[in-house]
C-alpha atoms as a PDB file:
ATOM      1  CA  MET A   1       0.730  10.683 -30.198  1.00  0.00           C
ATOM      2  CA  GLU A   2      -0.360  14.366 -29.808  1.00  0.00           C
ATOM      3  CA  LYS A   3       2.052  17.260 -29.953  1.00  0.00           C
ATOM      4  CA  ILE A   4       2.831  18.822 -26.302  1.00  0.00           C
ATOM      5  CA  ASN A   5       3.072  22.440 -25.983  1.00  0.00           C
ATOM      6  CA  ALA A   6       2.781  23.168 -22.249  1.00  0.00           C
ATOM      7  CA  PRO A   7       5.162  23.913 -19.400  1.00  0.00           C
ATOM      8  CA  ARG A   8       6.825  21.017 -17.433  1.00  0.00           C
ATOM      9  CA  ALA A   9       7.551  19.582 -20.767  1.00  0.00           C
ATOM     10  CA  VAL A  10       9.576  16.824 -19.360  1.00  0.00           C
ATOM     11  CA  ASP A  11       7.195  15.753 -16.670  1.00  0.00           C
ATOM     12  CA  LEU A  12       4.353  15.744 -19.908  1.00  0.00           C
ATOM     13  CA  VAL A  13       6.535  13.630 -22.321  1.00  0.00           C
ATOM     14  CA  ALA A  14       7.723  11.282 -19.614  1.00  0.00           C
ATOM     15  CA  ASN A  15       3.998  10.833 -18.624  1.00  0.00           C
ATOM     16  CA  ARG A  16       3.041  10.491 -22.341  1.00  0.00           C
ATOM     17  CA  LEU A  17       5.614   7.629 -22.894  1.00  0.00           C
ATOM     18  CA  ARG A  18       4.713   5.950 -19.665  1.00  0.00           C
ATOM     19  CA  GLU A  19       1.026   5.615 -20.912  1.00  0.00           C
ATOM     20  CA  ALA A  20       2.443   4.371 -24.215  1.00  0.00           C
ATOM     21  CA  VAL A  21       4.321   1.847 -22.532  1.00  0.00           C
ATOM     22  CA  LEU A  22       1.992   0.408 -19.822  1.00  0.00           C
ATOM     23  CA  SER A  23      -0.983   0.560 -22.401  1.00  0.00           C
ATOM     24  CA  GLY A  24       1.066  -1.741 -24.674  1.00  0.00           C
ATOM     25  CA  GLU A  25       1.243   0.965 -27.308  1.00  0.00           C
ATOM     26  CA  PHE A  26       4.976   0.253 -27.244  1.00  0.00           C
ATOM     27  CA  PRO A  27       5.118  -3.209 -25.935  1.00  0.00           C
ATOM     28  CA  PRO A  28       8.239  -5.059 -24.227  1.00  0.00           C
ATOM     29  CA  GLY A  29      11.103  -5.629 -26.638  1.00  0.00           C
ATOM     30  CA  ALA A  30       9.931  -2.989 -29.194  1.00  0.00           C
ATOM     31  CA  PHE A  31      12.189   0.404 -29.756  1.00  0.00           C
ATOM     32  CA  LEU A  32      10.949   3.727 -29.555  1.00  0.00           C
ATOM     33  CA  PRO A  33      10.909   5.668 -32.630  1.00  0.00           C
ATOM     34  CA  PRO A  34      14.254   7.380 -33.595  1.00  0.00           C
ATOM     35  CA  GLU A  35      14.665  10.322 -31.634  1.00  0.00           C
ATOM     36  CA  ARG A  36      14.630  12.854 -34.067  1.00  0.00           C
ATOM     37  CA  GLU A  37      11.225  11.435 -35.176  1.00  0.00           C
ATOM     38  CA  LEU A  38       9.883  11.284 -31.935  1.00  0.00           C
ATOM     39  CA  SER A  39      10.820  14.970 -30.808  1.00  0.00           C
ATOM     40  CA  VAL A  40       9.320  16.044 -33.730  1.00  0.00           C
ATOM     41  CA  THR A  41       6.063  14.050 -33.219  1.00  0.00           C
ATOM     42  CA  LEU A  42       5.596  15.070 -29.426  1.00  0.00           C
ATOM     43  CA  GLY A  43       6.706  18.845 -30.423  1.00  0.00           C
ATOM     44  CA  VAL A  44       9.501  19.117 -27.900  1.00  0.00           C
ATOM     45  CA  SER A  45      13.300  19.298 -28.014  1.00  0.00           C
ATOM     46  CA  ARG A  46      15.609  16.359 -28.373  1.00  0.00           C
ATOM     47  CA  LEU A  47      16.733  17.628 -25.057  1.00  0.00           C
ATOM     48  CA  THR A  48      13.538  17.691 -23.179  1.00  0.00           C
ATOM     49  CA  LEU A  49      12.879  14.034 -24.986  1.00  0.00           C
ATOM     50  CA  ARG A  50      16.330  12.769 -23.542  1.00  0.00           C
ATOM     51  CA  ALA A  51      15.473  13.714 -20.102  1.00  0.00           C
ATOM     52  CA  ALA A  52      12.106  12.212 -20.272  1.00  0.00           C
ATOM     53  CA  VAL A  53      13.773   9.000 -21.220  1.00  0.00           C
ATOM     54  CA  SER A  54      16.049   8.844 -18.549  1.00  0.00           C
ATOM     55  CA  ARG A  55      13.392   9.277 -16.328  1.00  0.00           C
ATOM     56  CA  LEU A  56      11.633   6.167 -17.691  1.00  0.00           C
ATOM     57  CA  GLU A  57      14.843   4.143 -17.730  1.00  0.00           C
ATOM     58  CA  ALA A  58      15.380   4.975 -13.951  1.00  0.00           C
ATOM     59  CA  GLU A  59      11.664   3.793 -13.087  1.00  0.00           C
ATOM     60  CA  GLY A  60      12.620   0.533 -15.392  1.00  0.00           C
ATOM     61  CA  LEU A  61      10.340   0.890 -18.023  1.00  0.00           C
ATOM     62  CA  LEU A  62      12.996   1.834 -20.865  1.00  0.00           C
ATOM     63  CA  ARG A  63      16.578   0.872 -21.664  1.00  0.00           C
ATOM     64  CA  ALA A  64      18.774   2.933 -23.861  1.00  0.00           C
ATOM     65  CA  ARG A  65      21.065   0.597 -25.956  1.00  0.00           C
ATOM     66  CA  GLN A  66      24.145   2.261 -27.827  1.00  0.00           C
ATOM     67  CA  GLY A  67      23.941   2.056 -31.618  1.00  0.00           C
ATOM     68  CA  SER A  68      20.349   0.167 -31.260  1.00  0.00           C
ATOM     69  CA  GLY A  69      18.201   2.874 -29.916  1.00  0.00           C
ATOM     70  CA  VAL A  70      15.579   3.021 -26.592  1.00  0.00           C
ATOM     71  CA  VAL A  71      14.188  -0.777 -26.343  1.00  0.00           C
ATOM     72  CA  VAL A  72      10.840  -1.236 -23.707  1.00  0.00           C
ATOM     73  CA  LEU A  73      11.348  -3.049 -20.891  1.00  0.00           C
ATOM     74  CA  ASP A  74       8.862  -5.665 -19.381  1.00  0.00           C
ATOM     75  CA  TYR A  75       7.503  -3.642 -16.313  1.00  0.00           C
ATOM     76  CA  ARG A  76       6.767  -6.857 -14.592  1.00  0.00           C
ATOM     77  CA  THR A  77      10.121  -7.907 -14.204  1.00  0.00           C
ATOM     78  CA  GLU A  78      12.272  -4.229 -14.450  1.00  0.00           C
ATOM     79  CA  ALA A  79       9.917  -1.908 -12.583  1.00  0.00           C
ATOM     80  CA  GLY A  80       9.735  -1.241  -8.832  1.00  0.00           C
ATOM     81  CA  VAL A  81       6.427  -0.960  -6.639  1.00  0.00           C
ATOM     82  CA  GLU A  82       6.292   2.707  -7.456  1.00  0.00           C
ATOM     83  CA  LEU A  83       4.902   2.028 -10.637  1.00  0.00           C
ATOM     84  CA  LEU A  84       1.548   1.189  -8.767  1.00  0.00           C
ATOM     85  CA  THR A  85       1.093   4.616  -8.589  1.00  0.00           C
ATOM     86  CA  TYR A  86       0.834   5.224 -12.380  1.00  0.00           C
ATOM     87  CA  LEU A  87      -1.005   2.445 -12.870  1.00  0.00           C
ATOM     88  CA  LEU A  88      -3.863   2.815 -10.330  1.00  0.00           C
ATOM     89  CA  ALA A  89      -3.785   6.677 -11.418  1.00  0.00           C
ATOM     90  CA  ASP A  90      -4.570   5.992 -14.915  1.00  0.00           C
ATOM     91  CA  GLY A  91      -7.936   3.890 -13.543  1.00  0.00           C
ATOM     92  CA  ASP A  92      -6.645   0.038 -13.471  1.00  0.00           C
ATOM     93  CA  ILE A  93      -8.836  -0.151 -10.070  1.00  0.00           C
ATOM     94  CA  ALA A  94      -8.366  -3.773 -10.272  1.00  0.00           C
ATOM     95  CA  LEU A  95      -4.925  -3.314  -8.607  1.00  0.00           C
ATOM     96  CA  LEU A  96      -6.298  -1.823  -5.405  1.00  0.00           C
ATOM     97  CA  ARG A  97      -6.990  -5.242  -4.163  1.00  0.00           C
ATOM     98  CA  PRO A  98      -3.328  -6.347  -4.428  1.00  0.00           C
ATOM     99  CA  LEU A  99      -2.501  -2.900  -3.104  1.00  0.00           C
ATOM    100  CA  LEU A 100      -4.222  -3.434   0.061  1.00  0.00           C
ATOM    101  CA  GLN A 101      -2.690  -6.677   0.350  1.00  0.00           C
ATOM    102  CA  LEU A 102       0.587  -5.037   0.544  1.00  0.00           C
ATOM    103  CA  ARG A 103      -0.851  -2.418   2.887  1.00  0.00           C
ATOM    104  CA  ARG A 104      -1.661  -5.355   5.334  1.00  0.00           C
ATOM    105  CA  ALA A 105       1.550  -6.898   4.808  1.00  0.00           C
ATOM    106  CA  ILE A 106       3.140  -3.894   5.938  1.00  0.00           C
ATOM    107  CA  ALA A 107       1.207  -3.046   8.953  1.00  0.00           C
ATOM    108  CA  VAL A 108       0.992  -6.478  10.229  1.00  0.00           C
ATOM    109  CA  GLU A 109       5.109  -6.716  10.114  1.00  0.00           C
ATOM    110  CA  ALA A 110       5.143  -3.383  11.282  1.00  0.00           C
ATOM    111  CA  MET A 111       2.850  -3.985  14.394  1.00  0.00           C
ATOM    112  CA  ALA A 112       5.119  -7.097  15.405  1.00  0.00           C
ATOM    113  CA  VAL A 113       8.384  -5.254  15.487  1.00  0.00           C
ATOM    114  CA  ALA A 114       6.748  -2.169  17.236  1.00  0.00           C
ATOM    115  CA  CYS A 115       5.453  -4.777  19.670  1.00  0.00           C
ATOM    116  CA  ALA A 116       9.056  -5.529  20.346  1.00  0.00           C
ATOM    117  CA  GLN A 117      10.903  -2.545  20.533  1.00  0.00           C
ATOM    118  CA  ALA A 118       8.575   0.435  21.188  1.00  0.00           C
ATOM    119  CA  THR A 119       9.467   2.187  24.361  1.00  0.00           C
ATOM    120  CA  ASP A 120       7.082   3.531  26.847  1.00  0.00           C
ATOM    121  CA  GLU A 121       7.673   6.970  25.458  1.00  0.00           C
ATOM    122  CA  ASP A 122       7.043   5.776  21.957  1.00  0.00           C
ATOM    123  CA  ILE A 123       3.763   4.241  23.044  1.00  0.00           C
ATOM    124  CA  ALA A 124       2.912   7.586  25.051  1.00  0.00           C
ATOM    125  CA  ARG A 125       3.013   9.612  21.573  1.00  0.00           C
ATOM    126  CA  LEU A 126       1.357   6.793  19.596  1.00  0.00           C
ATOM    127  CA  SER A 127      -1.257   6.917  22.288  1.00  0.00           C
ATOM    128  CA  ALA A 128      -2.324  10.758  22.191  1.00  0.00           C
ATOM    129  CA  LEU A 129      -2.349  10.461  18.217  1.00  0.00           C
ATOM    130  CA  ALA A 130      -4.826   7.764  18.431  1.00  0.00           C
ATOM    131  CA  GLU A 131      -7.089   9.505  21.169  1.00  0.00           C
ATOM    132  CA  GLU A 132      -7.046  12.646  19.026  1.00  0.00           C
ATOM    133  CA  LEU A 133      -7.972  10.596  15.841  1.00  0.00           C
ATOM    134  CA  ALA A 134     -10.477   8.518  17.764  1.00  0.00           C
ATOM    135  CA  GLN A 135     -12.491  11.731  18.413  1.00  0.00           C
ATOM    136  CA  SER A 136     -12.242  13.197  14.962  1.00  0.00           C
ATOM    137  CA  GLU A 137     -15.300  14.041  13.199  1.00  0.00           C
ATOM    138  CA  ASP A 138     -13.752  15.735  10.189  1.00  0.00           C
ATOM    139  CA  LEU A 139     -13.759  12.635   7.654  1.00  0.00           C
ATOM    140  CA  ASP A 140     -10.954  14.462   5.590  1.00  0.00           C
ATOM    141  CA  ARG A 141      -8.700  14.507   8.994  1.00  0.00           C
ATOM    142  CA  LEU A 142      -9.789  10.852   9.627  1.00  0.00           C
ATOM    143  CA  ALA A 143      -8.356   9.678   6.156  1.00  0.00           C
ATOM    144  CA  GLU A 144      -5.078  11.552   6.416  1.00  0.00           C
ATOM    145  CA  GLY A 145      -4.570  10.719   9.920  1.00  0.00           C
ATOM    146  CA  ASN A 146      -5.138   6.744   8.874  1.00  0.00           C
ATOM    147  CA  LEU A 147      -1.991   7.382   7.117  1.00  0.00           C
ATOM    148  CA  ASP A 148      -0.302   9.353   9.594  1.00  0.00           C
ATOM    149  CA  PHE A 149      -1.204   6.772  12.158  1.00  0.00           C
ATOM    150  CA  VAL A 150       0.325   3.652  10.091  1.00  0.00           C
ATOM    151  CA  ARG A 151       3.138   5.705   9.104  1.00  0.00           C
ATOM    152  CA  ALA A 152       3.975   6.257  13.165  1.00  0.00           C
ATOM    153  CA  VAL A 153       3.418   2.536  13.889  1.00  0.00           C
ATOM    154  CA  ILE A 154       6.050   1.717  11.031  1.00  0.00           C
ATOM    155  CA  ARG A 155       8.428   4.321  12.217  1.00  0.00           C
ATOM    156  CA  LEU A 156       8.248   2.314  15.657  1.00  0.00           C
ATOM    157  CA  ALA A 157       9.331  -0.647  14.215  1.00  0.00           C
ATOM    158  CA  ASP A 158      12.492   1.724  12.835  1.00  0.00           C
ATOM    159  CA  ASN A 159      12.256  -0.315   9.438  1.00  0.00           C
ATOM    160  CA  LEU A 160      12.970   2.324   6.407  1.00  0.00           C
ATOM    161  CA  PRO A 161      12.330  -0.270   3.337  1.00  0.00           C
ATOM    162  CA  LEU A 162       8.814  -0.770   4.923  1.00  0.00           C
ATOM    163  CA  GLU A 163       8.252   2.972   5.399  1.00  0.00           C
ATOM    164  CA  LEU A 164       9.542   3.657   1.620  1.00  0.00           C
ATOM    165  CA  LEU A 165       7.261   0.564   0.728  1.00  0.00           C
ATOM    166  CA  PHE A 166       4.247   2.531   2.176  1.00  0.00           C
ATOM    167  CA  ASN A 167       5.105   5.906   0.415  1.00  0.00           C
ATOM    168  CA  THR A 168       4.033   4.109  -2.536  1.00  0.00           C
ATOM    169  CA  VAL A 169       0.633   3.337  -0.792  1.00  0.00           C
ATOM    170  CA  VAL A 170       0.206   6.882   0.560  1.00  0.00           C
ATOM    171  CA  ARG A 171       0.557   8.266  -2.997  1.00  0.00           C
ATOM    172  CA  VAL A 172      -1.424   6.096  -4.477  1.00  0.00           C
ATOM    173  CA  PHE A 173      -4.550   7.005  -1.967  1.00  0.00           C
ATOM    174  CA  ARG A 174      -3.492  10.886  -2.616  1.00  0.00           C
ATOM    175  CA  THR A 175      -4.296  10.327  -6.081  1.00  0.00           C
ATOM    176  CA  ARG A 176      -7.476   8.253  -5.978  1.00  0.00           C
ATOM    177  CA  PRO A 177      -9.174  10.300  -3.265  1.00  0.00           C
ATOM    178  CA  GLU A 178     -12.250   7.808  -3.649  1.00  0.00           C
ATOM    179  CA  LEU A 179     -10.299   4.916  -2.402  1.00  0.00           C
ATOM    180  CA  SER A 180      -9.712   6.917   1.210  1.00  0.00           C
ATOM    181  CA  ALA A 181     -13.477   7.717   1.023  1.00  0.00           C
ATOM    182  CA  ALA A 182     -14.273   4.103   0.502  1.00  0.00           C
ATOM    183  CA  MET A 183     -12.184   3.167   3.608  1.00  0.00           C
ATOM    184  CA  LEU A 184     -14.182   5.473   5.737  1.00  0.00           C
ATOM    185  CA  ALA A 185     -17.319   3.598   4.673  1.00  0.00           C
ATOM    186  CA  ASP A 186     -17.461   2.787   8.850  1.00  0.00           C
ATOM    187  CA  PRO A 187     -15.938   5.763  10.559  1.00  0.00           C
ATOM    188  CA  ASP A 188     -16.631   4.428  13.669  1.00  0.00           C
ATOM    189  CA  ALA A 189     -14.845   1.503  13.069  1.00  0.00           C
ATOM    190  CA  VAL A 190     -11.682   3.331  12.053  1.00  0.00           C
ATOM    191  CA  ARG A 191     -11.805   5.598  14.695  1.00  0.00           C
ATOM    192  CA  ALA A 192     -12.126   2.215  17.231  1.00  0.00           C
ATOM    193  CA  SER A 193      -8.974   0.557  15.538  1.00  0.00           C
ATOM    194  CA  PHE A 194      -6.438   3.088  17.015  1.00  0.00           C
ATOM    195  CA  PRO A 195      -6.873   2.799  20.797  1.00  0.00           C
ATOM    196  CA  PHE A 196      -6.983  -1.075  19.845  1.00  0.00           C
ATOM    197  CA  ILE A 197      -3.741  -0.749  17.855  1.00  0.00           C
ATOM    198  CA  VAL A 198      -1.973   1.021  20.780  1.00  0.00           C
ATOM    199  CA  GLY A 199      -3.332  -1.563  23.344  1.00  0.00           C
ATOM    200  CA  LEU A 200      -1.955  -4.595  21.348  1.00  0.00           C
ATOM    201  CA  ILE A 201       1.536  -2.629  21.205  1.00  0.00           C
ATOM    202  CA  ARG A 202       1.407  -2.196  24.901  1.00  0.00           C
ATOM    203  CA  SER A 203       0.934  -5.757  25.316  1.00  0.00           C
ATOM    204  CA  ARG A 204       4.139  -6.708  23.715  1.00  0.00           C
ATOM    205  CA  GLU A 205       2.592  -9.823  22.350  1.00  0.00           C
ATOM    206  CA  ALA A 206       3.918  -9.882  18.833  1.00  0.00           C
ATOM    207  CA  ASP A 207       2.248 -13.032  17.542  1.00  0.00           C
ATOM    208  CA  ARG A 208      -1.085 -12.227  18.740  1.00  0.00           C
ATOM    209  CA  ALA A 209      -0.865  -8.589  17.595  1.00  0.00           C
ATOM    210  CA  ARG A 210       0.074 -10.063  13.967  1.00  0.00           C
ATOM    211  CA  THR A 211      -3.124 -12.246  13.683  1.00  0.00           C
ATOM    212  CA  LEU A 212      -5.654  -9.442  15.280  1.00  0.00           C
ATOM    213  CA  VAL A 213      -4.452  -6.607  12.846  1.00  0.00           C
ATOM    214  CA  ARG A 214      -4.619  -9.084   9.886  1.00  0.00           C
ATOM    215  CA  GLY A 215      -8.005  -9.595  10.488  1.00  0.00           C
ATOM    216  CA  ALA A 216      -9.004  -6.089  11.360  1.00  0.00           C
ATOM    217  CA  LEU A 217      -7.560  -5.108   8.174  1.00  0.00           C
ATOM    218  CA  GLU A 218      -8.947  -7.786   5.971  1.00  0.00           C
ATOM    219  CA  ALA A 219     -12.423  -6.827   7.501  1.00  0.00           C
ATOM    220  CA  ILE A 220     -11.900  -2.974   6.650  1.00  0.00           C
ATOM    221  CA  ASP A 221     -10.666  -3.975   3.020  1.00  0.00           C
ATOM    222  CA  THR A 222     -13.439  -6.300   2.560  1.00  0.00           C
ATOM    223  CA  ALA A 223     -15.525  -3.251   2.950  1.00  0.00           C
ATOM    224  CA  THR A 224     -13.692  -0.986   0.798  1.00  0.00           C
ATOM    225  CA  LEU A 225     -13.763  -2.976  -2.190  1.00  0.00           C
ATOM    226  CA  ALA A 226     -17.443  -3.474  -1.559  1.00  0.00           C
ATOM    227  CA  ALA A 227     -17.870   0.222  -1.636  1.00  0.00           C
ATOM    228  CA  LEU A 228     -15.672   0.374  -4.961  1.00  0.00           C
ATOM    229  CA  GLU A 229     -17.716  -2.636  -6.189  1.00  0.00           C
ATOM    230  CA  ILE A 230     -14.742  -4.566  -6.854  1.00  0.00           C
ATOM    231  CA  ALA A 231     -15.419  -8.267  -7.036  1.00  0.00           C
END
């Protein structure tokens, strides 16, 4: 591992250690090198190293054991969904398919709840956003607006856990802009989806909304994966 000589040392050390854990350089059950040795290897103070290790403990990647050192955890059983941001940012594009499945699950459930409890005022605000996006010719605005629109639907569902899960999806898309570009392979279909979703919420038919939104998103996701050449 190369020495670190840059600002934001804690961030950089955390990133370096995270990469080492996720790549298997430090496999589950292994212990990190002793603190003194690792701080010298990375060229940072022991205080900086401890701060970085604490961050990875919070992420479920490491655990300090009194008298033994710092052990590497199995992220599949210990980490949270926010780890997807790092995995996809580091190039594991195969994870996009399950990520899109997560996005669909969030959107479908949010739609069903929104159908049941959105007020007329809520629907009017969502309709105004839908009309704006349906007329947008700016693809960057359309990509960002697509995320804004989904978040607006989730907020109609008044479900904080769903919104926090969606935050992870948003971070991934902002880290990998080619994903958003691929989702706009058919911008007219994306534009048409906004008033369509508003109409479903206005209908108050939750089961029908679930079915139709799932089908529409599956079609968009299939096109996205094809554009990225992911089998």
